[in-house]
Amino acid sequence: MYDQRHPRRALTVMREQNIRRMVVTSTQGAGNGWLRINPVFKALINVSTLKAAYDDHHGLDELARASDTDWTLARPVAPSNKPAGAPLRAVQAGSDKPGTRISRADVAVFLLDTAEQGIWIHKAPLIWNARGHNPLVTRLLATISQNPPNNTPGHMSS
């Protein structure tokens, strides 16, 4: 069961101190992202200790969206302990297939940049390290695999 007392207190203090900006680390699949999670992974979450963590993320997501703050809910994919510095990708959920990892240090960089630059307001971007992942090449390869050209070596036209 999600305990809303502490986030509600934080929002109260923010309001009293006229602080509008809130940047929070969430997780892939929290809140409205739950609909995009693989059903097998959902089942795993629901029968494991991850359920309590996801309940917390869902609850905080709901509180942030209902607040009068300029919130951002950063949703990193699986965090790693690799050093910062790999290329970072941030997109609205559903607009690109995310990578598999992000370093915790790069999550911190993203959070600070987002707060300081006033970007991603009222958004919940997925974030990951794009090492070796070029979205243009990925899309091109997907297009080619779905529509192979007829002039490939060894292909005979009838």
Protein backbone atom coordinates (compact mmCIF):
# COMPACT_ATOMS: atom_id res chain seq x y z
CA MET A 1 0.00 0.00 0.00
CA TYR A 2 1.41 3.35 -1.05
CA ASP A 3 2.03 5.79 1.81
CA GLN A 4 1.33 9.29 0.48
CA ARG A 5 2.22 11.13 3.68
CA HIS A 6 5.82 12.03 2.82
CA PRO A 7 5.26 13.13 -0.79
CA ARG A 8 2.22 15.14 0.33
CA ARG A 9 4.35 16.85 3.00
CA ALA A 10 7.01 17.63 0.40
CA LEU A 11 4.36 19.13 -1.91
CA THR A 12 2.98 21.20 1.00
CA VAL A 13 6.43 22.60 1.80
CA MET A 14 7.06 23.27 -1.89
CA ARG A 15 3.80 25.25 -2.07
CA GLU A 16 4.63 27.18 1.14
CA GLN A 17 8.09 28.06 -0.18
CA ASN A 18 6.77 28.85 -3.68
CA ILE A 19 8.86 26.08 -5.26
CA ARG A 20 7.29 24.95 -8.52
CA ARG A 21 9.89 22.65 -10.06
CA MET A 22 9.85 18.95 -9.19
CA VAL A 23 12.04 16.39 -11.00
CA VAL A 24 11.56 12.83 -9.77
CA THR A 25 13.14 9.50 -10.62
CA SER A 26 10.36 7.12 -11.53
CA THR A 27 10.68 3.84 -13.45
CA GLN A 28 9.82 2.40 -16.81
CA GLY A 29 6.23 1.17 -16.66
CA ALA A 30 5.04 3.40 -13.82
CA GLY A 31 1.79 5.32 -14.04
CA ASN A 32 0.47 5.55 -17.58
CA GLY A 33 3.50 3.55 -18.77
CA TRP A 34 2.01 0.42 -17.18
CA LEU A 35 -0.04 -0.16 -20.34
CA ARG A 36 3.18 -0.58 -22.36
CA ILE A 37 4.77 -3.19 -20.12
CA ASN A 38 5.08 -6.75 -21.38
CA PRO A 39 2.31 -8.91 -19.81
CA VAL A 40 4.85 -11.50 -18.62
CA PHE A 41 6.85 -8.78 -16.85
CA LYS A 42 3.62 -7.39 -15.33
CA ALA A 43 2.83 -10.84 -13.93
CA LEU A 44 6.35 -11.10 -12.50
CA ILE A 45 5.98 -7.70 -10.85
CA ASN A 46 2.59 -8.59 -9.38
CA VAL A 47 3.81 -11.78 -7.69
CA SER A 48 7.15 -10.45 -6.44
CA THR A 49 8.48 -7.86 -4.03
CA LEU A 50 8.66 -5.46 -6.99
CA LYS A 51 4.92 -4.90 -6.58
CA ALA A 52 5.44 -2.64 -3.56
CA ALA A 53 8.00 -0.54 -5.44
CA TYR A 54 5.71 -0.22 -8.45
CA ASP A 55 2.80 0.72 -6.18
CA ASP A 56 4.98 3.54 -4.82
CA HIS A 57 5.90 4.69 -8.32
CA HIS A 58 2.25 4.57 -9.46
CA GLY A 59 1.19 6.58 -6.39
CA LEU A 60 3.88 9.22 -6.81
CA ASP A 61 3.05 9.48 -10.51
CA GLU A 62 -0.58 10.18 -9.63
CA LEU A 63 0.33 12.76 -6.95
CA ALA A 64 2.77 14.60 -9.23
CA ARG A 65 0.29 14.82 -12.10
CA ALA A 66 -2.45 16.11 -9.77
CA SER A 67 -0.15 18.73 -8.20
CA ASP A 68 0.26 22.34 -9.30
CA THR A 69 4.02 21.86 -9.77
CA ASP A 70 6.09 21.82 -12.94
CA TRP A 71 6.83 18.12 -12.56
CA THR A 72 8.98 15.75 -14.59
CA LEU A 73 8.90 12.00 -13.97
CA ALA A 74 12.14 10.60 -15.37
CA ARG A 75 11.74 6.91 -16.18
CA PRO A 76 15.11 5.23 -16.55
CA VAL A 77 15.36 1.72 -17.95
CA ALA A 78 17.48 -0.80 -15.97
CA PRO A 79 20.14 1.19 -14.05
CA SER A 80 23.77 0.08 -14.12
CA ASN A 81 26.90 1.11 -12.23
CA LYS A 82 28.86 2.04 -15.36
CA PRO A 83 30.47 5.48 -15.44
CA ALA A 84 28.64 8.48 -16.87
CA GLY A 85 29.28 9.73 -20.36
CA ALA A 86 27.62 7.31 -22.76
CA PRO A 87 25.18 8.96 -25.19
CA LEU A 88 21.84 9.54 -23.50
CA ARG A 89 18.41 9.18 -25.10
CA ALA A 90 15.21 10.63 -23.69
CA VAL A 91 11.85 10.19 -25.41
CA GLN A 92 8.17 10.17 -24.63
CA ALA A 93 7.07 6.59 -24.03
CA GLY A 94 5.89 4.85 -27.16
CA SER A 95 7.82 7.05 -29.57
CA ASP A 96 10.95 4.89 -29.78
CA LYS A 97 12.06 1.47 -28.60
CA PRO A 98 14.20 2.07 -25.51
CA GLY A 99 17.65 0.66 -24.92
CA THR A 100 18.29 -1.81 -22.14
CA ARG A 101 20.51 0.08 -19.67
CA ILE A 102 21.42 3.47 -18.28
CA SER A 103 24.17 4.31 -15.83
CA ARG A 104 23.02 5.74 -12.52
CA ALA A 105 25.48 8.59 -13.04
CA ASP A 106 23.80 9.47 -16.34
CA VAL A 107 20.40 9.40 -14.60
CA ALA A 108 21.76 12.00 -12.16
CA VAL A 109 23.06 14.14 -15.03
CA PHE A 110 19.67 13.93 -16.74
CA LEU A 111 17.83 14.94 -13.54
CA LEU A 112 20.08 17.95 -12.96
CA ASP A 113 19.95 19.09 -16.60
CA THR A 114 16.17 18.71 -16.64
CA ALA A 115 15.77 20.80 -13.47
CA GLU A 116 18.26 23.48 -14.48
CA GLN A 117 17.11 23.84 -18.09
CA GLY A 118 13.38 23.71 -17.35
CA ILE A 119 12.76 20.97 -19.91
CA TRP A 120 10.40 17.97 -19.98
CA ILE A 121 7.80 19.87 -17.91
CA HIS A 122 4.63 17.79 -17.37
CA LYS A 123 6.30 14.86 -19.15
CA ALA A 124 7.49 11.38 -18.15
CA PRO A 125 10.37 10.58 -20.52
CA LEU A 126 12.01 7.18 -20.79
CA ILE A 127 15.78 7.55 -20.52
CA TRP A 128 18.61 5.19 -21.48
CA ASN A 129 22.18 5.09 -22.69
CA ALA A 130 22.26 4.83 -26.47
CA ARG A 131 25.70 3.25 -26.70
CA GLY A 132 25.81 1.42 -29.99
CA HIS A 133 22.19 2.35 -30.66
CA ASN A 134 21.52 4.69 -33.54
CA PRO A 135 17.76 5.20 -33.96
CA LEU A 136 18.12 6.09 -37.65
CA VAL A 137 20.05 2.89 -38.40
CA THR A 138 17.59 0.84 -36.33
CA ARG A 139 14.64 2.25 -38.30
CA LEU A 140 16.44 1.72 -41.61
CA LEU A 141 17.24 -1.90 -40.78
CA ALA A 142 13.65 -2.52 -39.67
CA THR A 143 12.33 -1.06 -42.93
CA ILE A 144 14.71 -3.17 -45.01
CA SER A 145 13.81 -6.36 -43.15
CA GLN A 146 10.09 -5.68 -43.73
CA ASN A 147 10.55 -4.71 -47.41
CA PRO A 148 13.66 -6.43 -48.80
CA PRO A 149 14.83 -5.06 -52.16
CA ASN A 150 14.35 -7.34 -55.18
CA ASN A 151 17.89 -6.84 -56.44
CA THR A 152 19.70 -8.58 -53.59
CA PRO A 153 22.50 -10.98 -54.59
CA GLY A 154 21.15 -14.42 -55.28
CA HIS A 155 17.60 -13.15 -55.80
CA MET A 156 16.05 -14.18 -59.07
CA SER A 157 13.14 -12.32 -60.59
CA SER A 158 10.44 -14.30 -62.30
